[in-house]
Amino acid sequence: MNIILYGAGGRMGKVVQELLSESKNHDVVAAVDKIAPDCQYSSLSDFTGEADVIIDFSHHTLTAEVIAYAMSRSLPLVMCTTGHTEEEKALIFEAAKSVPVFYSANMSLGIAALCDFARRAAELFPDADIEIVEAHHNRKLDAPSGTALMIADTIKEVRPESRYVFGRHGMAKREPEEIGIHSLRCGNEPGMHEVIISTDFQTLSLKHNAESRAVFAEGAVSAAEFIAKRCAGHYNMYSLVNG
């Protein structure tokens, strides 16, 4: 599989390249980065060669650019950036009508499993209190993380009456329909997400730790393999896990 890697000079782009350097089945045919001087190309439009898929680890502000390129060349696109605005999300979903787009708030297969477990547990314990705690490095801009919101949205599928409470302070009592979401920003934490489901008699804790950023690179490559031969549409980790 021939891959165009956008954002190749960034932290995650380098992790992807390192991971693929050991692969016999995949090649980065174009390493593209607007800023990094050591990449092959500074613009997507500079590459006109053959490719099977685009993996985007650039920045969410470049969403329109990478989508336009993918659509102009009818290439499947794996969006790995985070922090998208509502306008950028709309562009992604509109593009999925024309080309295959893999877009997920988190590229980890483990997080996909966590979402599935959390949804099942929330359904099994309909009266339980649910809280979500996430931790990331001190350079992360958005809070709560897109992954925490993805987990909450998954739980809300079986608890449609739920409403989100971000952090807690003051004198307000917890209401039964709340899902609390709490964000920690510290050090070089790659990513931790925990779902706490508690009744008066027992507590279930579901936790995922990203021990290395390589887990997201691995997920991106798995997504690229999955989407390369798909028809136009929006795909995510749930799609990958469930075939």
C-alpha atoms as a PDB file:
ATOM      1  CA  MET A   1       0.000   0.000   0.000  1.00  0.00           C
ATOM      2  CA  ASN A   2       1.386   3.374  -1.051  1.00  0.00           C
ATOM      3  CA  ILE A   3       0.737   6.108   1.504  1.00  0.00           C
ATOM      4  CA  ILE A   4       0.815   9.893   1.317  1.00  0.00           C
ATOM      5  CA  LEU A   5       1.689  11.095   4.826  1.00  0.00           C
ATOM      6  CA  TYR A   6       0.652  14.683   5.538  1.00  0.00           C
ATOM      7  CA  GLY A   7       2.294  16.206   8.598  1.00  0.00           C
ATOM      8  CA  ALA A   8       5.233  13.861   8.135  1.00  0.00           C
ATOM      9  CA  GLY A   9       7.641  16.156   9.951  1.00  0.00           C
ATOM     10  CA  GLY A  10       5.571  16.417  13.122  1.00  0.00           C
ATOM     11  CA  ARG A  11       5.813  14.252  16.210  1.00  0.00           C
ATOM     12  CA  MET A  12       3.182  11.747  15.113  1.00  0.00           C
ATOM     13  CA  GLY A  13       4.296  11.859  11.486  1.00  0.00           C
ATOM     14  CA  LYS A  14       7.751  10.733  12.526  1.00  0.00           C
ATOM     15  CA  VAL A  15       6.275   7.915  14.626  1.00  0.00           C
ATOM     16  CA  VAL A  16       4.260   6.726  11.625  1.00  0.00           C
ATOM     17  CA  GLN A  17       7.343   6.796   9.405  1.00  0.00           C
ATOM     18  CA  GLU A  18       9.336   4.828  11.955  1.00  0.00           C
ATOM     19  CA  LEU A  19       6.565   2.248  12.225  1.00  0.00           C
ATOM     20  CA  LEU A  20       6.261   1.885   8.446  1.00  0.00           C
ATOM     21  CA  SER A  21      10.028   1.674   7.935  1.00  0.00           C
ATOM     22  CA  GLU A  22       9.795  -1.877   9.267  1.00  0.00           C
ATOM     23  CA  SER A  23       6.892  -2.837   7.000  1.00  0.00           C
ATOM     24  CA  LYS A  24       7.318  -4.899   3.844  1.00  0.00           C
ATOM     25  CA  ASN A  25       3.792  -4.174   2.644  1.00  0.00           C
ATOM     26  CA  HIS A  26       3.516  -0.400   3.013  1.00  0.00           C
ATOM     27  CA  ASP A  27       5.537   2.533   1.690  1.00  0.00           C
ATOM     28  CA  VAL A  28       5.381   6.264   2.358  1.00  0.00           C
ATOM     29  CA  VAL A  29       5.588   7.486  -1.228  1.00  0.00           C
ATOM     30  CA  ALA A  30       5.198  11.141  -0.240  1.00  0.00           C
ATOM     31  CA  ALA A  31       6.252  12.659   3.078  1.00  0.00           C
ATOM     32  CA  VAL A  32       4.579  16.075   3.106  1.00  0.00           C
ATOM     33  CA  ASP A  33       4.941  18.859   5.659  1.00  0.00           C
ATOM     34  CA  LYS A  34       4.467  22.605   5.313  1.00  0.00           C
ATOM     35  CA  ILE A  35       7.075  23.450   7.947  1.00  0.00           C
ATOM     36  CA  ALA A  36       9.618  20.634   8.350  1.00  0.00           C
ATOM     37  CA  PRO A  37      12.514  21.266   5.922  1.00  0.00           C
ATOM     38  CA  ASP A  38      13.652  17.638   5.775  1.00  0.00           C
ATOM     39  CA  CYS A  39      10.430  16.298   4.210  1.00  0.00           C
ATOM     40  CA  GLN A  40      10.128  15.430   0.512  1.00  0.00           C
ATOM     41  CA  TYR A  41       7.341  17.907  -0.200  1.00  0.00           C
ATOM     42  CA  SER A  42       6.050  21.106   1.398  1.00  0.00           C
ATOM     43  CA  SER A  43       2.658  20.949  -0.312  1.00  0.00           C
ATOM     44  CA  LEU A  44       0.284  18.111  -1.151  1.00  0.00           C
ATOM     45  CA  SER A  45      -0.180  19.490  -4.660  1.00  0.00           C
ATOM     46  CA  ASP A  46       3.533  18.942  -5.322  1.00  0.00           C
ATOM     47  CA  PHE A  47       2.974  15.178  -5.378  1.00  0.00           C
ATOM     48  CA  THR A  48       1.201  13.776  -8.429  1.00  0.00           C
ATOM     49  CA  GLY A  49       2.405  10.178  -8.252  1.00  0.00           C
ATOM     50  CA  GLU A  50       0.424   7.024  -7.581  1.00  0.00           C
ATOM     51  CA  ALA A  51      -0.942   6.429  -4.077  1.00  0.00           C
ATOM     52  CA  ASP A  52      -3.583   4.307  -2.366  1.00  0.00           C
ATOM     53  CA  VAL A  53      -4.456   6.415   0.680  1.00  0.00           C
ATOM     54  CA  ILE A  54      -3.676   9.629   2.586  1.00  0.00           C
ATOM     55  CA  ILE A  55      -2.902   9.641   6.299  1.00  0.00           C
ATOM     56  CA  ASP A  56      -3.275  13.126   7.767  1.00  0.00           C
ATOM     57  CA  PHE A  57      -1.376  13.951  10.956  1.00  0.00           C
ATOM     58  CA  SER A  58      -0.961  17.663  10.142  1.00  0.00           C
ATOM     59  CA  HIS A  59      -3.234  20.169  11.927  1.00  0.00           C
ATOM     60  CA  HIS A  60      -6.974  20.632  11.980  1.00  0.00           C
ATOM     61  CA  THR A  61      -6.642  24.093  10.374  1.00  0.00           C
ATOM     62  CA  LEU A  62      -5.447  22.339   7.206  1.00  0.00           C
ATOM     63  CA  THR A  63      -8.610  20.243   6.965  1.00  0.00           C
ATOM     64  CA  ALA A  64      -9.990  22.047   3.908  1.00  0.00           C
ATOM     65  CA  GLU A  65      -6.684  21.671   2.070  1.00  0.00           C
ATOM     66  CA  VAL A  66      -6.250  17.941   2.640  1.00  0.00           C
ATOM     67  CA  ILE A  67      -9.912  17.260   1.823  1.00  0.00           C
ATOM     68  CA  ALA A  68      -9.687  19.219  -1.428  1.00  0.00           C
ATOM     69  CA  TYR A  69      -6.604  17.217  -2.431  1.00  0.00           C
ATOM     70  CA  ALA A  70      -8.194  13.882  -1.535  1.00  0.00           C
ATOM     71  CA  MET A  71     -11.324  14.709  -3.518  1.00  0.00           C
ATOM     72  CA  SER A  72      -9.396  15.997  -6.522  1.00  0.00           C
ATOM     73  CA  ARG A  73      -7.527  12.693  -6.717  1.00  0.00           C
ATOM     74  CA  SER A  74     -10.358  10.426  -5.463  1.00  0.00           C
ATOM     75  CA  LEU A  75      -8.118   9.099  -2.690  1.00  0.00           C
ATOM     76  CA  PRO A  76      -9.279   7.549   0.594  1.00  0.00           C
ATOM     77  CA  LEU A  77      -8.410   9.773   3.554  1.00  0.00           C
ATOM     78  CA  VAL A  78      -7.560   8.888   7.154  1.00  0.00           C
ATOM     79  CA  MET A  79      -8.037  12.002   9.307  1.00  0.00           C
ATOM     80  CA  CYS A  80      -5.901  11.742  12.463  1.00  0.00           C
ATOM     81  CA  THR A  81      -5.963  15.387  13.521  1.00  0.00           C
ATOM     82  CA  THR A  82      -8.058  16.560  16.479  1.00  0.00           C
ATOM     83  CA  GLY A  83      -9.668  19.755  17.735  1.00  0.00           C
ATOM     84  CA  HIS A  84     -11.800  20.338  14.635  1.00  0.00           C
ATOM     85  CA  THR A  85     -14.274  23.193  14.587  1.00  0.00           C
ATOM     86  CA  GLU A  86     -17.896  22.513  13.661  1.00  0.00           C
ATOM     87  CA  GLU A  87     -17.204  23.976  10.220  1.00  0.00           C
ATOM     88  CA  GLU A  88     -14.245  21.628   9.714  1.00  0.00           C
ATOM     89  CA  LYS A  89     -16.311  18.640  10.840  1.00  0.00           C
ATOM     90  CA  ALA A  90     -18.969  19.606   8.314  1.00  0.00           C
ATOM     91  CA  LEU A  91     -16.309  19.584   5.580  1.00  0.00           C
ATOM     92  CA  ILE A  92     -15.204  16.100   6.647  1.00  0.00           C
ATOM     93  CA  PHE A  93     -18.715  14.644   6.554  1.00  0.00           C
ATOM     94  CA  GLU A  94     -19.471  16.338   3.249  1.00  0.00           C
ATOM     95  CA  ALA A  95     -16.273  14.900   1.733  1.00  0.00           C
ATOM     96  CA  ALA A  96     -17.326  11.430   2.873  1.00  0.00           C
ATOM     97  CA  LYS A  97     -20.140  11.594   0.319  1.00  0.00           C
ATOM     98  CA  SER A  98     -17.515  11.553  -2.439  1.00  0.00           C
ATOM     99  CA  VAL A  99     -14.516   9.632  -1.063  1.00  0.00           C
ATOM    100  CA  PRO A 100     -13.907   7.167   1.775  1.00  0.00           C
ATOM    101  CA  VAL A 101     -13.045   9.156   4.924  1.00  0.00           C
ATOM    102  CA  PHE A 102     -11.897   7.521   8.152  1.00  0.00           C
ATOM    103  CA  TYR A 103     -12.474  10.008  10.956  1.00  0.00           C
ATOM    104  CA  SER A 104     -12.381   9.148  14.636  1.00  0.00           C
ATOM    105  CA  ALA A 105     -11.661  11.210  17.740  1.00  0.00           C
ATOM    106  CA  ASN A 106      -9.111   8.570  18.737  1.00  0.00           C
ATOM    107  CA  MET A 107      -7.130   6.201  16.520  1.00  0.00           C
ATOM    108  CA  SER A 108      -6.535   3.538  19.187  1.00  0.00           C
ATOM    109  CA  LEU A 109      -8.163   0.123  18.874  1.00  0.00           C
ATOM    110  CA  GLY A 110      -8.082  -0.051  22.667  1.00  0.00           C
ATOM    111  CA  ILE A 111     -10.248   3.071  22.926  1.00  0.00           C
ATOM    112  CA  ALA A 112     -12.725   1.508  20.507  1.00  0.00           C
ATOM    113  CA  ALA A 113     -12.944  -1.466  22.862  1.00  0.00           C
ATOM    114  CA  LEU A 114     -13.305   0.862  25.866  1.00  0.00           C
ATOM    115  CA  CYS A 115     -16.246   2.638  24.208  1.00  0.00           C
ATOM    116  CA  ASP A 116     -17.920  -0.687  23.549  1.00  0.00           C
ATOM    117  CA  PHE A 117     -17.408  -1.881  27.145  1.00  0.00           C
ATOM    118  CA  ALA A 118     -18.631   1.446  28.574  1.00  0.00           C
ATOM    119  CA  ARG A 119     -21.808   1.382  26.496  1.00  0.00           C
ATOM    120  CA  ARG A 120     -22.576  -2.179  27.597  1.00  0.00           C
ATOM    121  CA  ALA A 121     -21.916  -1.388  31.255  1.00  0.00           C
ATOM    122  CA  ALA A 122     -24.065   1.755  31.160  1.00  0.00           C
ATOM    123  CA  GLU A 123     -26.901  -0.315  29.750  1.00  0.00           C
ATOM    124  CA  LEU A 124     -26.392  -3.057  32.341  1.00  0.00           C
ATOM    125  CA  PHE A 125     -26.430  -0.539  35.233  1.00  0.00           C
ATOM    126  CA  PRO A 126     -29.089   1.992  34.147  1.00  0.00           C
ATOM    127  CA  ASP A 127     -29.164   3.789  37.530  1.00  0.00           C
ATOM    128  CA  ALA A 128     -25.406   4.021  38.065  1.00  0.00           C
ATOM    129  CA  ASP A 129     -23.517   7.313  38.284  1.00  0.00           C
ATOM    130  CA  ILE A 130     -21.017   7.722  35.442  1.00  0.00           C
ATOM    131  CA  GLU A 131     -17.897   9.857  35.454  1.00  0.00           C
ATOM    132  CA  ILE A 132     -15.162  10.129  32.808  1.00  0.00           C
ATOM    133  CA  VAL A 133     -11.604  11.233  33.631  1.00  0.00           C
ATOM    134  CA  GLU A 134      -9.025  11.985  30.939  1.00  0.00           C
ATOM    135  CA  ALA A 135      -5.368  13.044  31.201  1.00  0.00           C
ATOM    136  CA  HIS A 136      -3.034  14.382  28.520  1.00  0.00           C
ATOM    137  CA  HIS A 137       0.269  16.218  28.192  1.00  0.00           C
ATOM    138  CA  ASN A 138       0.511  19.876  29.159  1.00  0.00           C
ATOM    139  CA  ARG A 139       0.667  21.043  25.521  1.00  0.00           C
ATOM    140  CA  LYS A 140      -2.771  19.765  24.507  1.00  0.00           C
ATOM    141  CA  LEU A 141      -5.038  22.648  23.539  1.00  0.00           C
ATOM    142  CA  ASP A 142      -8.559  21.223  23.732  1.00  0.00           C
ATOM    143  CA  ALA A 143     -10.316  20.127  26.914  1.00  0.00           C
ATOM    144  CA  PRO A 144     -12.063  17.851  27.348  1.00  0.00           C
ATOM    145  CA  SER A 145     -10.408  15.604  24.809  1.00  0.00           C
ATOM    146  CA  GLY A 146     -12.299  14.544  21.732  1.00  0.00           C
ATOM    147  CA  THR A 147     -11.898  10.986  22.961  1.00  0.00           C
ATOM    148  CA  ALA A 148     -13.635  11.741  26.267  1.00  0.00           C
ATOM    149  CA  LEU A 149     -16.537  13.255  24.345  1.00  0.00           C
ATOM    150  CA  MET A 150     -16.585  10.243  22.022  1.00  0.00           C
ATOM    151  CA  ILE A 151     -16.855   7.921  25.037  1.00  0.00           C
ATOM    152  CA  ALA A 152     -19.637  10.075  26.522  1.00  0.00           C
ATOM    153  CA  ASP A 153     -21.502  10.135  23.207  1.00  0.00           C
ATOM    154  CA  THR A 154     -21.254   6.346  23.008  1.00  0.00           C
ATOM    155  CA  ILE A 155     -22.740   6.016  26.509  1.00  0.00           C
ATOM    156  CA  LYS A 156     -25.475   8.478  25.584  1.00  0.00           C
ATOM    157  CA  GLU A 157     -26.627   6.069  22.872  1.00  0.00           C
ATOM    158  CA  VAL A 158     -28.095   3.904  25.652  1.00  0.00           C
ATOM    159  CA  ARG A 159     -28.798   6.839  28.007  1.00  0.00           C
ATOM    160  CA  PRO A 160     -30.337   9.470  25.726  1.00  0.00           C
ATOM    161  CA  GLU A 161     -31.486  11.588  28.672  1.00  0.00           C
ATOM    162  CA  SER A 162     -27.889  12.184  29.810  1.00  0.00           C
ATOM    163  CA  ARG A 163     -26.323  15.633  29.978  1.00  0.00           C
ATOM    164  CA  TYR A 164     -22.630  16.441  30.327  1.00  0.00           C
ATOM    165  CA  VAL A 165     -21.109  18.286  33.280  1.00  0.00           C
ATOM    166  CA  PHE A 166     -17.535  19.467  32.739  1.00  0.00           C
ATOM    167  CA  GLY A 167     -15.625  19.434  36.010  1.00  0.00           C
ATOM    168  CA  ARG A 168     -17.316  20.090  39.340  1.00  0.00           C
ATOM    169  CA  HIS A 169     -17.278  23.055  41.692  1.00  0.00           C
ATOM    170  CA  GLY A 170     -19.646  24.971  43.932  1.00  0.00           C
ATOM    171  CA  MET A 171     -22.562  23.583  45.913  1.00  0.00           C
ATOM    172  CA  ALA A 172     -24.657  21.830  43.248  1.00  0.00           C
ATOM    173  CA  LYS A 173     -25.719  18.245  44.028  1.00  0.00           C
ATOM    174  CA  ARG A 174     -25.054  15.603  41.428  1.00  0.00           C
ATOM    175  CA  GLU A 175     -28.128  14.733  39.363  1.00  0.00           C
ATOM    176  CA  PRO A 176     -28.799  11.139  38.220  1.00  0.00           C
ATOM    177  CA  GLU A 177     -28.743  11.934  34.488  1.00  0.00           C
ATOM    178  CA  GLU A 178     -25.333  13.626  34.583  1.00  0.00           C
ATOM    179  CA  ILE A 179     -22.161  12.285  32.996  1.00  0.00           C
ATOM    180  CA  GLY A 180     -19.227  14.083  34.600  1.00  0.00           C
ATOM    181  CA  ILE A 181     -16.200  14.742  32.370  1.00  0.00           C
ATOM    182  CA  HIS A 182     -12.924  15.817  33.966  1.00  0.00           C
ATOM    183  CA  SER A 183      -9.671  16.863  32.292  1.00  0.00           C
ATOM    184  CA  LEU A 184      -6.102  16.685  33.618  1.00  0.00           C
ATOM    185  CA  ARG A 185      -3.146  18.292  31.826  1.00  0.00           C
ATOM    186  CA  CYS A 186       0.269  17.304  33.090  1.00  0.00           C
ATOM    187  CA  GLY A 187       3.790  16.504  31.926  1.00  0.00           C
ATOM    188  CA  ASN A 188       4.205  14.351  28.845  1.00  0.00           C
ATOM    189  CA  GLU A 189       1.168  12.103  29.352  1.00  0.00           C
ATOM    190  CA  PRO A 190       0.297  10.452  25.980  1.00  0.00           C
ATOM    191  CA  GLY A 191      -3.307   9.848  26.980  1.00  0.00           C
ATOM    192  CA  MET A 192      -5.364   8.208  29.732  1.00  0.00           C
ATOM    193  CA  HIS A 193      -9.125   7.704  29.754  1.00  0.00           C
ATOM    194  CA  GLU A 194     -11.120   6.148  32.568  1.00  0.00           C
ATOM    195  CA  VAL A 195     -14.846   5.534  32.849  1.00  0.00           C
ATOM    196  CA  ILE A 196     -16.185   5.095  36.385  1.00  0.00           C
ATOM    197  CA  ILE A 197     -19.619   3.471  36.698  1.00  0.00           C
ATOM    198  CA  SER A 198     -20.836   3.398  40.285  1.00  0.00           C
ATOM    199  CA  THR A 199     -23.966   2.249  42.094  1.00  0.00           C
ATOM    200  CA  ASP A 200     -24.609   2.364  45.838  1.00  0.00           C
ATOM    201  CA  PHE A 201     -23.123  -1.122  46.154  1.00  0.00           C
ATOM    202  CA  GLN A 202     -20.347  -1.485  43.577  1.00  0.00           C
ATOM    203  CA  THR A 203     -18.043   0.451  41.274  1.00  0.00           C
ATOM    204  CA  LEU A 204     -16.772  -0.576  37.868  1.00  0.00           C
ATOM    205  CA  SER A 205     -13.689   1.173  36.481  1.00  0.00           C
ATOM    206  CA  LEU A 206     -12.763   0.879  32.802  1.00  0.00           C
ATOM    207  CA  LYS A 207      -9.410   2.399  31.949  1.00  0.00           C
ATOM    208  CA  HIS A 208      -7.208   2.789  28.883  1.00  0.00           C
ATOM    209  CA  ASN A 209      -3.627   4.026  28.987  1.00  0.00           C
ATOM    210  CA  ALA A 210      -1.714   4.951  25.849  1.00  0.00           C
ATOM    211  CA  GLU A 211       1.775   3.865  26.873  1.00  0.00           C
ATOM    212  CA  SER A 212       3.272   5.354  23.714  1.00  0.00           C
ATOM    213  CA  ARG A 213       2.114   7.558  20.863  1.00  0.00           C
ATOM    214  CA  ALA A 214       2.951   4.614  18.621  1.00  0.00           C
ATOM    215  CA  VAL A 215      -0.487   3.228  19.497  1.00  0.00           C
ATOM    216  CA  PHE A 216      -2.072   6.038  17.441  1.00  0.00           C
ATOM    217  CA  ALA A 217       0.308   5.446  14.536  1.00  0.00           C
ATOM    218  CA  GLU A 218      -0.556   1.750  14.610  1.00  0.00           C
ATOM    219  CA  GLY A 219      -4.259   2.592  14.593  1.00  0.00           C
ATOM    220  CA  ALA A 220      -3.813   5.007  11.684  1.00  0.00           C
ATOM    221  CA  VAL A 221      -2.103   2.344   9.578  1.00  0.00           C
ATOM    222  CA  SER A 222      -4.842  -0.173  10.456  1.00  0.00           C
ATOM    223  CA  ALA A 223      -7.413   2.439   9.413  1.00  0.00           C
ATOM    224  CA  ALA A 224      -5.564   3.020   6.126  1.00  0.00           C
ATOM    225  CA  GLU A 225      -5.570  -0.722   5.406  1.00  0.00           C
ATOM    226  CA  PHE A 226      -9.285  -0.875   6.203  1.00  0.00           C
ATOM    227  CA  ILE A 227     -10.360   2.104   4.132  1.00  0.00           C
ATOM    228  CA  ALA A 228      -8.129   1.686   1.068  1.00  0.00           C
ATOM    229  CA  LYS A 229     -10.650  -0.472  -0.814  1.00  0.00           C
ATOM    230  CA  ARG A 230     -13.888   0.958   0.611  1.00  0.00           C
ATOM    231  CA  CYS A 231     -16.579   2.935  -1.120  1.00  0.00           C
ATOM    232  CA  ALA A 232     -17.265   6.586  -0.292  1.00  0.00           C
ATOM    233  CA  GLY A 233     -18.557   7.096   3.216  1.00  0.00           C
ATOM    234  CA  HIS A 234     -17.643   7.980   6.787  1.00  0.00           C
ATOM    235  CA  TYR A 235     -15.801   5.291   8.722  1.00  0.00           C
ATOM    236  CA  ASN A 236     -14.430   5.212  12.269  1.00  0.00           C
ATOM    237  CA  MET A 237     -12.901   2.852  14.797  1.00  0.00           C
ATOM    238  CA  TYR A 238     -16.293   1.271  15.459  1.00  0.00           C
ATOM    239  CA  SER A 239     -16.474   0.461  11.741  1.00  0.00           C
ATOM    240  CA  LEU A 240     -13.024  -1.109  11.854  1.00  0.00           C
ATOM    241  CA  VAL A 241     -13.668  -3.172  14.985  1.00  0.00           C
ATOM    242  CA  ASN A 242     -17.011  -4.435  13.706  1.00  0.00           C
ATOM    243  CA  GLY A 243     -15.893  -5.031  10.134  1.00  0.00           C
END
